[in-house]
N, C-alpha and C. Protein backbone atom coordinates (compact mmCIF):
# COMPACT_ATOMS: atom_id res chain seq x y z
N MET A 1 -54.30 -25.03 12.62
CA MET A 1 -54.39 -26.48 12.68
C MET A 1 -53.23 -26.49 14.01
N LYS A 2 -53.17 -27.25 14.17
CA LYS A 2 -52.24 -27.27 15.52
C LYS A 2 -50.82 -28.64 14.92
N PRO A 3 -50.20 -28.37 15.81
CA PRO A 3 -49.20 -29.48 15.55
C PRO A 3 -49.09 -31.00 15.85
N ASN A 4 -48.75 -32.36 14.98
CA ASN A 4 -49.54 -33.21 15.65
C ASN A 4 -48.31 -34.12 15.26
N VAL A 5 -47.12 -33.91 14.93
CA VAL A 5 -46.00 -34.43 14.67
C VAL A 5 -44.58 -34.24 15.57
N GLY A 6 -44.69 -35.34 16.44
CA GLY A 6 -43.12 -35.02 17.47
C GLY A 6 -41.89 -34.54 16.75
N THR A 7 -40.63 -34.76 17.78
CA THR A 7 -39.75 -34.21 17.28
C THR A 7 -38.67 -35.49 17.13
N ILE A 8 -39.62 -36.97 17.53
CA ILE A 8 -38.91 -38.38 16.83
C ILE A 8 -39.09 -38.54 15.42
N ASP A 9 -40.77 -38.62 15.51
CA ASP A 9 -41.38 -38.52 14.19
C ASP A 9 -41.17 -37.52 12.92
N ARG A 10 -40.70 -36.27 13.74
CA ARG A 10 -39.78 -35.01 12.19
C ARG A 10 -38.58 -35.57 12.01
N ILE A 11 -37.68 -36.02 12.92
CA ILE A 11 -36.63 -36.47 12.53
C ILE A 11 -36.63 -37.75 11.38
N LEU A 12 -37.35 -38.97 12.06
CA LEU A 12 -37.48 -40.06 10.96
C LEU A 12 -38.00 -39.39 9.75
N ARG A 13 -38.95 -38.30 9.76
CA ARG A 13 -39.10 -38.81 8.57
C ARG A 13 -38.44 -37.24 7.75
N PHE A 14 -37.70 -36.07 8.28
CA PHE A 14 -36.78 -35.89 7.46
C PHE A 14 -35.96 -36.36 6.75
N ALA A 15 -35.33 -37.80 7.86
CA ALA A 15 -34.06 -38.23 7.05
C ALA A 15 -35.32 -39.49 5.89
N LEU A 16 -36.31 -39.66 6.46
CA LEU A 16 -36.54 -40.83 4.99
C LEU A 16 -37.44 -39.60 4.19
N GLY A 17 -37.41 -39.20 3.70
CA GLY A 17 -37.26 -37.66 2.99
C GLY A 17 -36.33 -37.60 1.93
N LEU A 18 -34.65 -37.10 2.83
CA LEU A 18 -33.78 -37.13 2.18
C LEU A 18 -32.86 -38.59 1.80
N VAL A 19 -33.27 -39.76 2.17
CA VAL A 19 -33.21 -40.79 1.49
C VAL A 19 -33.88 -41.17 0.11
N LEU A 20 -34.94 -40.87 0.21
CA LEU A 20 -36.03 -40.90 -0.56
C LEU A 20 -35.19 -39.77 -1.65
N LEU A 21 -34.86 -38.60 -1.38
CA LEU A 21 -34.48 -37.55 -3.01
C LEU A 21 -33.31 -38.62 -3.48
N TYR A 22 -32.20 -38.99 -2.15
CA TYR A 22 -30.92 -39.26 -2.86
C TYR A 22 -31.46 -40.40 -3.66
N LEU A 23 -32.26 -41.67 -3.24
CA LEU A 23 -32.49 -42.62 -4.09
C LEU A 23 -32.64 -42.36 -4.83
N ALA A 24 -33.83 -41.28 -5.68
CA ALA A 24 -34.42 -40.99 -6.59
C ALA A 24 -33.27 -40.39 -7.93
N PHE A 25 -32.85 -39.40 -7.33
CA PHE A 25 -31.82 -38.75 -7.85
C PHE A 25 -30.41 -39.07 -8.17
N LEU A 26 -29.66 -39.35 -6.95
CA LEU A 26 -28.28 -39.45 -7.28
C LEU A 26 -27.63 -40.65 -6.63
N SER A 27 -28.57 -42.08 -6.67
CA SER A 27 -28.19 -43.08 -5.97
C SER A 27 -27.61 -44.31 -7.43
N GLY A 28 -28.51 -44.05 -8.73
CA GLY A 28 -27.33 -44.61 -10.47
C GLY A 28 -28.42 -45.93 -9.78
N LEU A 29 -28.69 -46.23 -9.09
CA LEU A 29 -29.58 -47.77 -9.01
C LEU A 29 -30.73 -48.27 -10.08
N PRO A 30 -30.78 -48.91 -10.87
CA PRO A 30 -31.43 -49.40 -11.96
C PRO A 30 -32.73 -49.05 -11.20
N LEU A 31 -33.29 -49.76 -10.64
CA LEU A 31 -35.28 -49.22 -9.98
C LEU A 31 -35.26 -47.98 -10.28
N PHE A 32 -34.56 -47.38 -9.62
CA PHE A 32 -34.99 -45.93 -10.09
C PHE A 32 -34.79 -44.95 -11.30
N ASP A 33 -34.06 -45.62 -12.66
CA ASP A 33 -34.07 -45.66 -13.85
C ASP A 33 -35.80 -45.09 -14.31
N ALA A 34 -36.61 -46.06 -14.08
CA ALA A 34 -38.12 -46.07 -14.54
C ALA A 34 -38.66 -45.18 -13.91
N PRO A 35 -39.37 -44.62 -14.76
CA PRO A 35 -39.91 -42.98 -14.46
C PRO A 35 -40.92 -42.85 -12.86
N LEU A 36 -42.54 -43.94 -12.87
CA LEU A 36 -42.55 -44.31 -11.65
C LEU A 36 -41.99 -44.30 -10.24
N TYR A 37 -40.90 -45.18 -10.54
CA TYR A 37 -40.00 -45.15 -9.10
C TYR A 37 -39.45 -43.91 -8.45
N LYS A 38 -38.57 -42.97 -9.72
CA LYS A 38 -38.28 -42.38 -9.76
C LYS A 38 -38.90 -40.97 -9.41
N TYR A 39 -40.31 -40.76 -9.77
CA TYR A 39 -40.59 -39.36 -9.16
C TYR A 39 -41.74 -39.80 -8.40
N GLY A 40 -41.82 -41.15 -8.31
CA GLY A 40 -42.93 -41.53 -7.20
C GLY A 40 -41.91 -41.36 -5.91
N ALA A 41 -40.37 -41.55 -5.80
CA ALA A 41 -39.81 -41.28 -4.39
C ALA A 41 -39.67 -40.13 -4.82
N ALA A 42 -39.20 -39.27 -5.66
CA ALA A 42 -38.97 -38.21 -4.99
C ALA A 42 -40.11 -37.09 -5.01
N ILE A 43 -41.65 -37.62 -5.16
CA ILE A 43 -43.00 -36.60 -4.86
C ILE A 43 -42.90 -37.30 -2.90
N ILE A 44 -42.80 -38.28 -2.87
CA ILE A 44 -43.03 -39.03 -1.32
C ILE A 44 -41.41 -38.50 -0.57
N GLY A 45 -40.83 -38.13 -1.26
CA GLY A 45 -39.20 -37.81 -0.91
C GLY A 45 -40.10 -35.66 0.03
N ILE A 46 -40.07 -34.94 -0.96
CA ILE A 46 -40.70 -33.69 -1.22
C ILE A 46 -41.48 -34.13 0.56
N VAL A 47 -42.99 -34.59 -0.05
CA VAL A 47 -44.00 -34.65 1.25
C VAL A 47 -43.23 -34.93 2.76
N MET A 48 -42.72 -35.57 3.17
CA MET A 48 -42.06 -36.46 3.87
C MET A 48 -41.03 -34.80 4.49
N LEU A 49 -40.45 -34.25 3.53
CA LEU A 49 -39.66 -33.00 4.32
C LEU A 49 -40.35 -31.94 4.78
N VAL A 50 -41.69 -31.68 3.51
CA VAL A 50 -42.61 -30.27 3.87
C VAL A 50 -43.66 -31.10 5.09
N VAL A 51 -44.02 -32.31 5.82
CA VAL A 51 -44.30 -32.23 6.98
C VAL A 51 -43.50 -32.15 8.08
N ALA A 52 -41.83 -32.51 7.98
CA ALA A 52 -41.29 -32.63 8.75
C ALA A 52 -41.27 -30.90 8.82
N ALA A 53 -40.80 -30.21 8.30
CA ALA A 53 -40.77 -28.67 8.50
C ALA A 53 -41.97 -28.20 9.14
N LEU A 54 -43.49 -28.43 8.67
CA LEU A 54 -44.18 -28.06 8.90
C LEU A 54 -45.43 -28.36 10.38
N ARG A 55 -44.56 -29.51 10.76
CA ARG A 55 -45.34 -30.23 12.26
C ARG A 55 -46.44 -30.72 12.18
N ILE A 56 -47.20 -30.78 10.56
CA ILE A 56 -48.66 -30.85 10.78
C ILE A 56 -48.81 -32.19 9.32
N CYS A 57 -48.91 -33.12 9.70
CA CYS A 57 -49.53 -34.09 8.84
C CYS A 57 -51.42 -34.82 8.45
N PRO A 58 -51.25 -34.55 7.22
CA PRO A 58 -53.07 -34.46 7.13
C PRO A 58 -53.72 -35.81 7.86
N ILE A 59 -53.00 -36.84 6.96
CA ILE A 59 -53.61 -38.39 7.49
C ILE A 59 -53.67 -38.31 8.90
N TYR A 60 -52.51 -38.24 9.91
CA TYR A 60 -52.50 -38.43 11.46
C TYR A 60 -54.14 -37.50 11.99
N ALA A 61 -54.39 -36.26 10.95
CA ALA A 61 -55.41 -35.28 11.71
C ALA A 61 -56.93 -36.07 11.30
N ILE A 62 -56.71 -36.33 10.07
CA ILE A 62 -57.51 -37.57 9.60
C ILE A 62 -57.78 -38.60 10.52
N LEU A 63 -56.73 -38.99 10.63
CA LEU A 63 -57.43 -40.71 12.19
C LEU A 63 -56.84 -39.93 13.46
N GLY A 64 -56.93 -39.12 13.50
CA GLY A 64 -56.79 -38.42 15.00
C GLY A 64 -55.65 -38.66 15.70
N ILE A 65 -54.29 -38.97 15.15
CA ILE A 65 -53.16 -39.45 15.94
C ILE A 65 -52.54 -37.91 16.45
N ARG A 66 -51.68 -38.48 17.15
CA ARG A 66 -50.98 -37.11 17.66
C ARG A 66 -49.96 -37.32 18.17
N THR A 67 -48.39 -37.39 17.96
CA THR A 67 -47.65 -37.75 18.72
C THR A 67 -46.64 -36.96 19.28
N CYS A 68 -46.87 -35.56 18.75
CA CYS A 68 -46.79 -34.35 19.68
C CYS A 68 -47.31 -33.82 20.62
N PRO A 69 -46.63 -33.96 21.59
CA PRO A 69 -46.86 -34.01 23.10
C PRO A 69 -48.02 -32.67 23.95
N ALA A 70 -46.61 -31.25 23.07
CA ALA A 70 -47.73 -30.22 23.46
C ALA A 70 -49.30 -30.17 22.84
N ALA A 71 -49.59 -30.98 21.99
CA ALA A 71 -50.95 -30.86 21.04
C ALA A 71 -51.83 -31.47 22.28
N ARG A 72 -51.85 -32.64 22.75
CA ARG A 72 -52.71 -33.40 23.52
C ARG A 72 -53.54 -32.86 24.31
């Protein structure tokens, strides 16, 4: 597969992934005491980090979206 995630998109996904993992495990907020929110945020955070690292987003591929200029 060709990369379909651009640089700015990667940076935003990386930051969002870190924030979600922080909220899930280190924030201490009462909302994230519930397992659904805690592990939901953790899973989404990990997915965001993986997509940022691999530069391939399956949802973008299905929808035909490319934010990477080299893949156009």
